[in-house]
Amino acid sequence: MNNKDILKLIKGQLSPEEEKLVVDWLLNNPKKRKQYEILKAKEVALSLRKTNKTASTKTKLNRFSKYAAILLIALASTIVTWQVLFNNTHLDDANINDASLVLVTTQKAETKVITLEDSTRIVLNSNSALSYPKHFKGNTREVAIKGEAFFDVTKNKEKPFIVTTNEGLKIKVLGTSFNVKSYPEDRKMETTLVSGKVKVIEERRNTVVELSPSQKATYIKKEDKMIVEQVNTVNFTSWKEGRLIYNETPMREVIKDLERMYDLKFDVASDKILDYKYKGEFDNLNINQILELFEISSPITYKIQNNIIRLDIENK
């Protein structure tokens, strides 16, 4: 697949089967997701230029009408006919793309809020991708996520809401709020339930666990096992407000969160740092403040060289 396929996706020129293939390809290729955003921005800009050009043409016609009233009457019928044809074409396009997939992506240090047609609200964390149908069809409401997102799902008993992680994990709900963290580079996938009930399904072994509020299901990829535990959900959902809360969390996870949230790179001098369990809270702090907290509250020291943050252990 290439940029032509991405452009066809943006213009709605693919069949539903082709759309799914391209969207799945983009979900698994961060670099191509960035290219998708660039091409989409260019297409929107081009559309706006065409709209402005049309508006400018209409303004000129209005000025000219002062001097050619009879000619305007003839032109008016032509313009009305053109507008009707244009509107019909637009409606046809809307019908053709009625079941089309929408892809939303975020870069590092970026979050987005998405509201689906059923009023379900999704907060997409940095360096993530979400795909969903423009209009839900059939008996389910299915979306796919790569990365992290918080879901506040509108209840509909007739249409369960299903989140697919593209890594063999599905979350099935009726109406609830929960957090999903499923980055390909991470060692585990997490589903944290805030309210309601969810079923977490690991498809390879057909393992199903049902969560109650304040429970977290963690799927450890390498060990192929699921762990369910009671947690303080605020620790796993506060990123939406710019807060990061850690309670004996391995530094390897803290570092990855910071790289995504602040769009920066860490260089770790010792593997001991990766396994160090960190406890603390970063409440809308800048990266320099966070690094200072590292030095105050842990044996970790830092240096910044060529925009790379090097972490080391004091007196090692």
C-alpha atoms as a PDB file:
ATOM      1  CA  MET A   1       0.000   0.000   0.000  1.00  0.00           C
ATOM      2  CA  ASN A   2       1.128   3.598  -0.597  1.00  0.00           C
ATOM      3  CA  ASN A   3       0.129   7.274  -0.423  1.00  0.00           C
ATOM      4  CA  LYS A   4      -2.389   6.803  -3.262  1.00  0.00           C
ATOM      5  CA  ASP A   5      -4.358   4.409  -1.068  1.00  0.00           C
ATOM      6  CA  ILE A   6      -4.231   6.917   1.807  1.00  0.00           C
ATOM      7  CA  LEU A   7      -5.517   9.671  -0.476  1.00  0.00           C
ATOM      8  CA  LYS A   8      -8.357   7.443  -1.723  1.00  0.00           C
ATOM      9  CA  LEU A   9      -9.296   6.764   1.909  1.00  0.00           C
ATOM     10  CA  ILE A  10      -9.415  10.508   2.648  1.00  0.00           C
ATOM     11  CA  LYS A  11     -11.548  11.184  -0.445  1.00  0.00           C
ATOM     12  CA  GLY A  12     -13.893   8.273   0.301  1.00  0.00           C
ATOM     13  CA  GLN A  13     -13.024   6.461  -2.933  1.00  0.00           C
ATOM     14  CA  LEU A  14     -12.548   2.978  -1.459  1.00  0.00           C
ATOM     15  CA  SER A  15     -14.967   0.111  -0.965  1.00  0.00           C
ATOM     16  CA  PRO A  16     -15.749  -0.891   2.659  1.00  0.00           C
ATOM     17  CA  GLU A  17     -13.411  -3.890   2.326  1.00  0.00           C
ATOM     18  CA  GLU A  18     -10.587  -1.731   0.911  1.00  0.00           C
ATOM     19  CA  GLU A  19     -11.158   0.908   3.613  1.00  0.00           C
ATOM     20  CA  LYS A  20     -10.724  -1.666   6.367  1.00  0.00           C
ATOM     21  CA  LEU A  21      -7.482  -2.930   4.824  1.00  0.00           C
ATOM     22  CA  VAL A  22      -6.024   0.581   4.545  1.00  0.00           C
ATOM     23  CA  VAL A  23      -7.148   1.597   8.049  1.00  0.00           C
ATOM     24  CA  ASP A  24      -5.663  -1.582   9.564  1.00  0.00           C
ATOM     25  CA  TRP A  25      -2.435  -0.867   7.690  1.00  0.00           C
ATOM     26  CA  LEU A  26      -2.355   2.681   9.073  1.00  0.00           C
ATOM     27  CA  LEU A  27      -3.110   1.484  12.615  1.00  0.00           C
ATOM     28  CA  ASN A  28       0.008  -0.669  12.446  1.00  0.00           C
ATOM     29  CA  ASN A  29       2.290   1.951  10.864  1.00  0.00           C
ATOM     30  CA  PRO A  30       2.902   5.113  12.959  1.00  0.00           C
ATOM     31  CA  LYS A  31       4.967   6.761  10.199  1.00  0.00           C
ATOM     32  CA  LYS A  32       2.185   6.221   7.673  1.00  0.00           C
ATOM     33  CA  ARG A  33      -0.354   7.608  10.165  1.00  0.00           C
ATOM     34  CA  LYS A  34       1.677  10.810  10.200  1.00  0.00           C
ATOM     35  CA  GLN A  35       1.621  10.839   6.384  1.00  0.00           C
ATOM     36  CA  TYR A  36      -2.164  10.367   6.558  1.00  0.00           C
ATOM     37  CA  GLU A  37      -2.484  13.475   8.750  1.00  0.00           C
ATOM     38  CA  ILE A  38      -0.348  15.516   6.321  1.00  0.00           C
ATOM     39  CA  LEU A  39      -2.343  14.413   3.270  1.00  0.00           C
ATOM     40  CA  LYS A  40      -5.643  14.966   5.080  1.00  0.00           C
ATOM     41  CA  ALA A  41      -4.582  18.514   6.021  1.00  0.00           C
ATOM     42  CA  LYS A  42      -3.615  19.228   2.396  1.00  0.00           C
ATOM     43  CA  GLU A  43      -6.963  17.891   1.152  1.00  0.00           C
ATOM     44  CA  VAL A  44      -8.873  20.076   3.628  1.00  0.00           C
ATOM     45  CA  ALA A  45      -6.822  23.127   2.592  1.00  0.00           C
ATOM     46  CA  LEU A  46      -7.515  22.407  -1.085  1.00  0.00           C
ATOM     47  CA  SER A  47     -11.234  22.068  -0.368  1.00  0.00           C
ATOM     48  CA  LEU A  48     -11.253  25.402   1.467  1.00  0.00           C
ATOM     49  CA  ARG A  49      -9.473  27.126  -1.425  1.00  0.00           C
ATOM     50  CA  LYS A  50     -12.088  25.788  -3.840  1.00  0.00           C
ATOM     51  CA  THR A  51     -14.885  27.000  -1.547  1.00  0.00           C
ATOM     52  CA  ASN A  52     -13.318  30.460  -1.250  1.00  0.00           C
ATOM     53  CA  LYS A  53     -12.849  30.633  -5.019  1.00  0.00           C
ATOM     54  CA  THR A  54     -16.536  29.786  -5.526  1.00  0.00           C
ATOM     55  CA  ALA A  55     -17.548  32.443  -2.996  1.00  0.00           C
ATOM     56  CA  SER A  56     -15.350  35.001  -4.742  1.00  0.00           C
ATOM     57  CA  THR A  57     -16.953  34.177  -8.108  1.00  0.00           C
ATOM     58  CA  LYS A  58     -20.436  34.677  -6.654  1.00  0.00           C
ATOM     59  CA  THR A  59     -19.400  38.083  -5.243  1.00  0.00           C
ATOM     60  CA  LYS A  60     -18.205  39.204  -8.667  1.00  0.00           C
ATOM     61  CA  LEU A  61     -21.507  38.107 -10.195  1.00  0.00           C
ATOM     62  CA  ASN A  62     -23.425  40.175  -7.637  1.00  0.00           C
ATOM     63  CA  ARG A  63     -21.379  43.270  -8.511  1.00  0.00           C
ATOM     64  CA  PHE A  64     -21.878  42.701 -12.202  1.00  0.00           C
ATOM     65  CA  SER A  65     -25.658  42.362 -11.675  1.00  0.00           C
ATOM     66  CA  LYS A  66     -25.917  46.078 -10.911  1.00  0.00           C
ATOM     67  CA  TYR A  67     -25.110  46.751 -14.537  1.00  0.00           C
ATOM     68  CA  ALA A  68     -26.768  43.754 -16.197  1.00  0.00           C
ATOM     69  CA  ALA A  69     -30.087  42.970 -14.491  1.00  0.00           C
ATOM     70  CA  ILE A  70     -31.484  41.127 -17.487  1.00  0.00           C
ATOM     71  CA  LEU A  71     -28.367  38.968 -17.777  1.00  0.00           C
ATOM     72  CA  LEU A  72     -28.530  38.185 -14.026  1.00  0.00           C
ATOM     73  CA  ILE A  73     -32.011  36.655 -14.439  1.00  0.00           C
ATOM     74  CA  ALA A  74     -30.627  34.244 -16.992  1.00  0.00           C
ATOM     75  CA  LEU A  75     -27.567  33.509 -14.870  1.00  0.00           C
ATOM     76  CA  ALA A  76     -29.667  33.025 -11.724  1.00  0.00           C
ATOM     77  CA  SER A  77     -31.535  30.082 -13.213  1.00  0.00           C
ATOM     78  CA  THR A  78     -28.208  28.568 -14.253  1.00  0.00           C
ATOM     79  CA  ILE A  79     -26.711  29.079 -10.802  1.00  0.00           C
ATOM     80  CA  VAL A  80     -29.781  27.604  -9.071  1.00  0.00           C
ATOM     81  CA  THR A  81     -29.614  24.588 -11.368  1.00  0.00           C
ATOM     82  CA  TRP A  82     -25.883  24.195 -10.634  1.00  0.00           C
ATOM     83  CA  GLN A  83     -26.494  24.449  -6.874  1.00  0.00           C
ATOM     84  CA  VAL A  84     -29.204  21.784  -7.008  1.00  0.00           C
ATOM     85  CA  LEU A  85     -26.911  19.472  -8.964  1.00  0.00           C
ATOM     86  CA  PHE A  86     -24.039  20.166  -6.560  1.00  0.00           C
ATOM     87  CA  ASN A  87     -26.205  19.506  -3.503  1.00  0.00           C
ATOM     88  CA  ASN A  88     -27.536  16.269  -4.994  1.00  0.00           C
ATOM     89  CA  THR A  89     -24.000  15.136  -5.753  1.00  0.00           C
ATOM     90  CA  HIS A  90     -22.974  15.969  -2.197  1.00  0.00           C
ATOM     91  CA  LEU A  91     -25.871  13.960  -0.823  1.00  0.00           C
ATOM     92  CA  ASP A  92     -25.007  11.033  -3.071  1.00  0.00           C
ATOM     93  CA  ASP A  93     -21.436  11.115  -1.763  1.00  0.00           C
ATOM     94  CA  ALA A  94     -22.761  11.105   1.773  1.00  0.00           C
ATOM     95  CA  ASN A  95     -24.862   8.031   1.004  1.00  0.00           C
ATOM     96  CA  ILE A  96     -21.959   6.264  -0.660  1.00  0.00           C
ATOM     97  CA  ASN A  97     -19.737   6.937   2.370  1.00  0.00           C
ATOM     98  CA  ASP A  98     -22.493   6.188   4.879  1.00  0.00           C
ATOM     99  CA  ALA A  99     -20.625   3.189   6.284  1.00  0.00           C
ATOM    100  CA  SER A 100     -17.113   4.542   5.707  1.00  0.00           C
ATOM    101  CA  LEU A 101     -14.436   4.328   8.372  1.00  0.00           C
ATOM    102  CA  VAL A 102     -13.023   7.370  10.103  1.00  0.00           C
ATOM    103  CA  LEU A 103      -9.413   7.375  11.294  1.00  0.00           C
ATOM    104  CA  VAL A 104      -8.261   9.753  14.038  1.00  0.00           C
ATOM    105  CA  THR A 105      -4.594   9.871  15.043  1.00  0.00           C
ATOM    106  CA  THR A 106      -2.502  11.777  17.559  1.00  0.00           C
ATOM    107  CA  GLN A 107       1.192  12.559  17.563  1.00  0.00           C
ATOM    108  CA  LYS A 108       3.402  12.688  20.641  1.00  0.00           C
ATOM    109  CA  ALA A 109       2.451  15.474  23.074  1.00  0.00           C
ATOM    110  CA  GLU A 110      -1.067  15.603  21.568  1.00  0.00           C
ATOM    111  CA  THR A 111      -4.522  14.482  22.728  1.00  0.00           C
ATOM    112  CA  LYS A 112      -7.889  14.666  20.976  1.00  0.00           C
ATOM    113  CA  VAL A 113     -11.544  14.417  22.023  1.00  0.00           C
ATOM    114  CA  ILE A 114     -13.897  12.533  19.686  1.00  0.00           C
ATOM    115  CA  THR A 115     -17.689  12.330  19.950  1.00  0.00           C
ATOM    116  CA  LEU A 116     -19.323   9.482  18.023  1.00  0.00           C
ATOM    117  CA  GLU A 117     -22.790   9.617  16.449  1.00  0.00           C
ATOM    118  CA  ASP A 118     -24.279   7.809  19.478  1.00  0.00           C
ATOM    119  CA  SER A 119     -22.832  10.541  21.771  1.00  0.00           C
ATOM    120  CA  THR A 120     -20.087   8.233  23.074  1.00  0.00           C
ATOM    121  CA  ARG A 121     -17.153  10.447  24.079  1.00  0.00           C
ATOM    122  CA  ILE A 122     -13.556   9.318  23.602  1.00  0.00           C
ATOM    123  CA  VAL A 123     -10.363  11.036  24.767  1.00  0.00           C
ATOM    124  CA  LEU A 124      -7.451   9.805  22.643  1.00  0.00           C
ATOM    125  CA  ASN A 125      -4.032   9.946  24.292  1.00  0.00           C
ATOM    126  CA  SER A 126      -0.762  10.868  22.583  1.00  0.00           C
ATOM    127  CA  ASN A 127       0.828   8.705  19.872  1.00  0.00           C
ATOM    128  CA  SER A 128      -2.423   6.767  19.384  1.00  0.00           C
ATOM    129  CA  ALA A 129      -4.900   5.899  16.626  1.00  0.00           C
ATOM    130  CA  LEU A 130      -8.642   5.237  16.636  1.00  0.00           C
ATOM    131  CA  SER A 131     -10.820   3.970  13.790  1.00  0.00           C
ATOM    132  CA  TYR A 132     -14.614   3.817  13.797  1.00  0.00           C
ATOM    133  CA  PRO A 133     -17.468   3.756  11.268  1.00  0.00           C
ATOM    134  CA  LYS A 134     -19.053   7.062  10.340  1.00  0.00           C
ATOM    135  CA  HIS A 135     -22.434   5.448  11.067  1.00  0.00           C
ATOM    136  CA  PHE A 136     -22.928   2.323  13.172  1.00  0.00           C
ATOM    137  CA  LYS A 137     -24.637  -0.490  11.266  1.00  0.00           C
ATOM    138  CA  GLY A 138     -25.930  -3.850  12.431  1.00  0.00           C
ATOM    139  CA  ASN A 139     -26.190  -5.081  16.016  1.00  0.00           C
ATOM    140  CA  THR A 140     -22.899  -3.750  17.419  1.00  0.00           C
ATOM    141  CA  ARG A 141     -20.887  -0.536  17.701  1.00  0.00           C
ATOM    142  CA  GLU A 142     -17.287  -1.499  16.929  1.00  0.00           C
ATOM    143  CA  VAL A 143     -14.149   0.646  17.080  1.00  0.00           C
ATOM    144  CA  ALA A 144     -10.419  -0.166  16.957  1.00  0.00           C
ATOM    145  CA  ILE A 145      -7.712   1.404  19.108  1.00  0.00           C
ATOM    146  CA  LYS A 146      -3.937   1.424  18.974  1.00  0.00           C
ATOM    147  CA  GLY A 147      -2.417   3.248  21.941  1.00  0.00           C
ATOM    148  CA  GLU A 148      -4.467   4.675  24.802  1.00  0.00           C
ATOM    149  CA  ALA A 149      -7.959   6.131  25.126  1.00  0.00           C
ATOM    150  CA  PHE A 150     -10.626   6.832  27.714  1.00  0.00           C
ATOM    151  CA  PHE A 151     -14.161   5.829  26.700  1.00  0.00           C
ATOM    152  CA  ASP A 152     -17.417   7.217  28.082  1.00  0.00           C
ATOM    153  CA  VAL A 153     -19.905   4.981  26.268  1.00  0.00           C
ATOM    154  CA  THR A 154     -23.559   5.845  25.742  1.00  0.00           C
ATOM    155  CA  LYS A 155     -25.733   2.972  26.936  1.00  0.00           C
ATOM    156  CA  ASN A 156     -27.606   0.972  24.307  1.00  0.00           C
ATOM    157  CA  LYS A 157     -28.739  -2.543  25.291  1.00  0.00           C
ATOM    158  CA  GLU A 158     -29.576  -3.351  21.684  1.00  0.00           C
ATOM    159  CA  LYS A 159     -26.098  -2.446  20.398  1.00  0.00           C
ATOM    160  CA  PRO A 160     -23.117  -3.490  22.540  1.00  0.00           C
ATOM    161  CA  PHE A 161     -20.010  -1.323  22.208  1.00  0.00           C
ATOM    162  CA  ILE A 162     -16.863  -3.297  21.283  1.00  0.00           C
ATOM    163  CA  VAL A 163     -13.288  -2.007  21.399  1.00  0.00           C
ATOM    164  CA  THR A 164     -10.687  -4.034  19.481  1.00  0.00           C
ATOM    165  CA  THR A 165      -6.996  -3.514  20.269  1.00  0.00           C
ATOM    166  CA  ASN A 166      -5.696  -5.270  17.115  1.00  0.00           C
ATOM    167  CA  GLU A 167      -3.512  -7.376  19.406  1.00  0.00           C
ATOM    168  CA  GLY A 168      -6.000 -10.096  20.219  1.00  0.00           C
ATOM    169  CA  LEU A 169      -7.887  -8.258  22.947  1.00  0.00           C
ATOM    170  CA  LYS A 170     -11.509  -7.052  22.841  1.00  0.00           C
ATOM    171  CA  ILE A 171     -13.529  -5.076  25.373  1.00  0.00           C
ATOM    172  CA  LYS A 172     -17.319  -5.459  25.198  1.00  0.00           C
ATOM    173  CA  VAL A 173     -19.660  -3.066  27.025  1.00  0.00           C
ATOM    174  CA  LEU A 174     -23.239  -1.758  26.996  1.00  0.00           C
ATOM    175  CA  GLY A 175     -22.746   1.646  28.574  1.00  0.00           C
ATOM    176  CA  THR A 176     -19.877   2.533  30.864  1.00  0.00           C
ATOM    177  CA  SER A 177     -16.625   4.468  31.269  1.00  0.00           C
ATOM    178  CA  PHE A 178     -13.224   2.822  31.104  1.00  0.00           C
ATOM    179  CA  ASN A 179      -9.620   3.278  30.022  1.00  0.00           C
ATOM    180  CA  VAL A 180      -7.731   1.147  27.499  1.00  0.00           C
ATOM    181  CA  LYS A 181      -3.935   1.225  27.200  1.00  0.00           C
ATOM    182  CA  SER A 182      -2.603  -0.901  24.343  1.00  0.00           C
ATOM    183  CA  TYR A 183       0.647   0.382  22.821  1.00  0.00           C
ATOM    184  CA  PRO A 184       2.384  -2.207  20.572  1.00  0.00           C
ATOM    185  CA  GLU A 185       5.791  -1.489  22.154  1.00  0.00           C
ATOM    186  CA  ASP A 186       4.567  -2.052  25.722  1.00  0.00           C
ATOM    187  CA  ARG A 187       4.877  -5.388  27.514  1.00  0.00           C
ATOM    188  CA  LYS A 188       1.250  -5.419  28.594  1.00  0.00           C
ATOM    189  CA  MET A 189      -2.264  -4.177  27.781  1.00  0.00           C
ATOM    190  CA  GLU A 190      -4.543  -2.679  30.409  1.00  0.00           C
ATOM    191  CA  THR A 191      -8.280  -2.125  30.759  1.00  0.00           C
ATOM    192  CA  THR A 192      -9.354  -0.066  33.781  1.00  0.00           C
ATOM    193  CA  LEU A 193     -13.066   0.152  34.602  1.00  0.00           C
ATOM    194  CA  VAL A 194     -14.409   3.354  36.173  1.00  0.00           C
ATOM    195  CA  SER A 195     -18.163   2.650  36.063  1.00  0.00           C
ATOM    196  CA  GLY A 196     -20.565   0.025  34.719  1.00  0.00           C
ATOM    197  CA  LYS A 197     -19.356  -3.408  33.576  1.00  0.00           C
ATOM    198  CA  VAL A 198     -17.081  -4.665  30.815  1.00  0.00           C
ATOM    199  CA  LYS A 199     -16.044  -8.013  29.430  1.00  0.00           C
ATOM    200  CA  VAL A 200     -12.383  -8.297  28.446  1.00  0.00           C
ATOM    201  CA  ILE A 201     -11.857 -11.021  25.845  1.00  0.00           C
ATOM    202  CA  GLU A 202      -8.445 -12.461  24.957  1.00  0.00           C
ATOM    203  CA  GLU A 203      -9.221 -14.067  21.600  1.00  0.00           C
ATOM    204  CA  ARG A 204      -6.292 -16.464  21.162  1.00  0.00           C
ATOM    205  CA  ARG A 205      -7.183 -18.546  24.232  1.00  0.00           C
ATOM    206  CA  ASN A 206     -10.784 -17.332  24.380  1.00  0.00           C
ATOM    207  CA  THR A 207     -10.218 -16.070  27.922  1.00  0.00           C
ATOM    208  CA  VAL A 208     -13.054 -13.870  29.204  1.00  0.00           C
ATOM    209  CA  VAL A 209     -12.990 -11.818  32.398  1.00  0.00           C
ATOM    210  CA  GLU A 210     -15.745  -9.513  33.615  1.00  0.00           C
ATOM    211  CA  LEU A 211     -14.697  -6.360  35.453  1.00  0.00           C
ATOM    212  CA  SER A 212     -16.527  -4.421  38.137  1.00  0.00           C
ATOM    213  CA  PRO A 213     -15.850  -0.733  38.891  1.00  0.00           C
ATOM    214  CA  SER A 214     -12.339   0.009  40.229  1.00  0.00           C
ATOM    215  CA  GLN A 215     -10.897  -3.163  38.720  1.00  0.00           C
ATOM    216  CA  LYS A 216      -8.086  -3.375  36.178  1.00  0.00           C
ATOM    217  CA  ALA A 217      -7.394  -6.271  33.805  1.00  0.00           C
ATOM    218  CA  THR A 218      -3.768  -6.528  32.708  1.00  0.00           C
ATOM    219  CA  TYR A 219      -2.803  -8.833  29.860  1.00  0.00           C
ATOM    220  CA  ILE A 220       0.917  -9.676  29.961  1.00  0.00           C
ATOM    221  CA  LYS A 221       1.903 -10.398  26.375  1.00  0.00           C
ATOM    222  CA  LYS A 222       5.037 -12.491  26.882  1.00  0.00           C
ATOM    223  CA  GLU A 223       3.469 -14.700  29.552  1.00  0.00           C
ATOM    224  CA  ASP A 224       0.099 -14.847  27.779  1.00  0.00           C
ATOM    225  CA  LYS A 225      -1.865 -14.359  30.973  1.00  0.00           C
ATOM    226  CA  MET A 226      -4.497 -12.030  32.396  1.00  0.00           C
ATOM    227  CA  ILE A 227      -4.360 -10.487  35.877  1.00  0.00           C
ATOM    228  CA  VAL A 228      -7.340  -8.749  37.510  1.00  0.00           C
ATOM    229  CA  GLU A 229      -6.789  -6.448  40.492  1.00  0.00           C
ATOM    230  CA  GLN A 230      -8.512  -3.763  42.527  1.00  0.00           C
ATOM    231  CA  VAL A 231      -7.076  -0.290  41.802  1.00  0.00           C
ATOM    232  CA  ASN A 232      -7.570   3.417  42.321  1.00  0.00           C
ATOM    233  CA  THR A 233      -8.891   4.313  38.861  1.00  0.00           C
ATOM    234  CA  VAL A 234      -7.699   7.929  39.142  1.00  0.00           C
ATOM    235  CA  ASN A 235      -4.115   6.669  38.791  1.00  0.00           C
ATOM    236  CA  PHE A 236      -4.933   5.281  35.342  1.00  0.00           C
ATOM    237  CA  THR A 237      -7.261   7.970  33.966  1.00  0.00           C
ATOM    238  CA  SER A 238      -5.806  11.262  35.240  1.00  0.00           C
ATOM    239  CA  TRP A 239      -3.693  11.664  32.090  1.00  0.00           C
ATOM    240  CA  LYS A 240      -6.831  13.265  30.553  1.00  0.00           C
ATOM    241  CA  GLU A 241      -6.278  16.267  32.839  1.00  0.00           C
ATOM    242  CA  GLY A 242      -2.516  16.369  32.275  1.00  0.00           C
ATOM    243  CA  ARG A 243      -1.686  14.485  35.506  1.00  0.00           C
ATOM    244  CA  LEU A 244       0.459  11.379  35.759  1.00  0.00           C
ATOM    245  CA  ILE A 245       0.209   9.366  38.989  1.00  0.00           C
ATOM    246  CA  TYR A 246       2.557   6.507  39.846  1.00  0.00           C
ATOM    247  CA  ASN A 247       2.494   4.067  42.741  1.00  0.00           C
ATOM    248  CA  GLU A 248       5.519   1.743  42.752  1.00  0.00           C
ATOM    249  CA  THR A 249       5.511   1.835  38.944  1.00  0.00           C
ATOM    250  CA  PRO A 250       8.585   0.511  37.051  1.00  0.00           C
ATOM    251  CA  MET A 251      10.573   3.394  35.585  1.00  0.00           C
ATOM    252  CA  ARG A 252      10.472   1.766  32.141  1.00  0.00           C
ATOM    253  CA  GLU A 253       6.719   2.554  32.100  1.00  0.00           C
ATOM    254  CA  VAL A 254       7.180   6.064  33.511  1.00  0.00           C
ATOM    255  CA  ILE A 255       9.784   6.851  30.848  1.00  0.00           C
ATOM    256  CA  LYS A 256       7.512   5.677  28.012  1.00  0.00           C
ATOM    257  CA  ASP A 257       4.640   7.804  29.324  1.00  0.00           C
ATOM    258  CA  LEU A 258       6.877  10.878  29.467  1.00  0.00           C
ATOM    259  CA  GLU A 259       8.261  10.299  25.975  1.00  0.00           C
ATOM    260  CA  ARG A 260       4.706  10.165  24.588  1.00  0.00           C
ATOM    261  CA  MET A 261       3.322  13.070  26.591  1.00  0.00           C
ATOM    262  CA  TYR A 262       6.251  15.473  26.089  1.00  0.00           C
ATOM    263  CA  ASP A 263       7.594  14.281  22.698  1.00  0.00           C
ATOM    264  CA  LEU A 264      11.142  13.716  23.885  1.00  0.00           C
ATOM    265  CA  LYS A 265      13.750  10.970  24.104  1.00  0.00           C
ATOM    266  CA  PHE A 266      15.410   9.335  27.104  1.00  0.00           C
ATOM    267  CA  ASP A 267      18.757   7.567  27.189  1.00  0.00           C
ATOM    268  CA  VAL A 268      19.120   5.227  30.175  1.00  0.00           C
ATOM    269  CA  ALA A 269      22.646   4.583  31.427  1.00  0.00           C
ATOM    270  CA  SER A 270      21.792   1.579  33.602  1.00  0.00           C
ATOM    271  CA  ASP A 271      19.192  -1.197  33.349  1.00  0.00           C
ATOM    272  CA  LYS A 272      18.693  -0.803  37.100  1.00  0.00           C
ATOM    273  CA  ILE A 273      16.829   2.419  36.351  1.00  0.00           C
ATOM    274  CA  LEU A 274      14.246   0.597  34.206  1.00  0.00           C
ATOM    275  CA  ASP A 275      13.301  -1.707  37.069  1.00  0.00           C
ATOM    276  CA  TYR A 276      13.319   0.993  39.748  1.00  0.00           C
ATOM    277  CA  LYS A 277       9.819   1.399  41.258  1.00  0.00           C
ATOM    278  CA  TYR A 278       8.802   5.051  41.219  1.00  0.00           C
ATOM    279  CA  LYS A 279       6.123   6.662  43.392  1.00  0.00           C
ATOM    280  CA  GLY A 280       4.984  10.222  42.760  1.00  0.00           C
ATOM    281  CA  GLU A 281       2.592  12.561  40.964  1.00  0.00           C
ATOM    282  CA  PHE A 282       3.206  15.008  38.122  1.00  0.00           C
ATOM    283  CA  ASP A 283       0.347  17.514  38.066  1.00  0.00           C
ATOM    284  CA  ASN A 284       0.651  19.484  34.806  1.00  0.00           C
ATOM    285  CA  LEU A 285       4.393  19.966  35.325  1.00  0.00           C
ATOM    286  CA  ASN A 286       6.900  20.782  32.610  1.00  0.00           C
ATOM    287  CA  ILE A 287       9.660  18.283  31.907  1.00  0.00           C
ATOM    288  CA  ASN A 288      12.309  20.233  33.835  1.00  0.00           C
ATOM    289  CA  GLN A 289      10.154  20.177  36.957  1.00  0.00           C
ATOM    290  CA  ILE A 290       9.646  16.428  36.560  1.00  0.00           C
ATOM    291  CA  LEU A 291      13.373  15.797  36.207  1.00  0.00           C
ATOM    292  CA  GLU A 292      14.022  17.848  39.338  1.00  0.00           C
ATOM    293  CA  LEU A 293      11.488  15.665  41.177  1.00  0.00           C
ATOM    294  CA  PHE A 294      13.368  12.564  40.028  1.00  0.00           C
ATOM    295  CA  GLU A 295      16.549  13.826  41.645  1.00  0.00           C
ATOM    296  CA  ILE A 296      14.779  14.887  44.858  1.00  0.00           C
ATOM    297  CA  SER A 297      12.664  11.753  45.376  1.00  0.00           C
ATOM    298  CA  SER A 298      14.872   8.980  43.943  1.00  0.00           C
ATOM    299  CA  PRO A 299      18.523   8.043  43.342  1.00  0.00           C
ATOM    300  CA  ILE A 300      18.098   8.954  39.662  1.00  0.00           C
ATOM    301  CA  THR A 301      20.108  11.831  38.197  1.00  0.00           C
ATOM    302  CA  TYR A 302      19.792  13.453  34.777  1.00  0.00           C
ATOM    303  CA  LYS A 303      21.670  15.429  32.135  1.00  0.00           C
ATOM    304  CA  ILE A 304      20.302  16.971  28.950  1.00  0.00           C
ATOM    305  CA  GLN A 305      22.553  16.660  25.900  1.00  0.00           C
ATOM    306  CA  ASN A 306      21.494  17.399  22.311  1.00  0.00           C
ATOM    307  CA  ASN A 307      17.805  17.325  23.299  1.00  0.00           C
ATOM    308  CA  ILE A 308      18.212  13.825  24.771  1.00  0.00           C
ATOM    309  CA  ILE A 309      17.662  13.274  28.496  1.00  0.00           C
ATOM    310  CA  ARG A 310      20.249  10.922  29.951  1.00  0.00           C
ATOM    311  CA  LEU A 311      19.264   9.173  33.183  1.00  0.00           C
ATOM    312  CA  ASP A 312      21.790   7.661  35.554  1.00  0.00           C
ATOM    313  CA  ILE A 313      21.975   6.385  39.142  1.00  0.00           C
ATOM    314  CA  GLU A 314      23.685   8.514  41.728  1.00  0.00           C
ATOM    315  CA  ASN A 315      26.902   7.045  43.230  1.00  0.00           C
ATOM    316  CA  LYS A 316      26.600   3.843  41.279  1.00  0.00           C
END
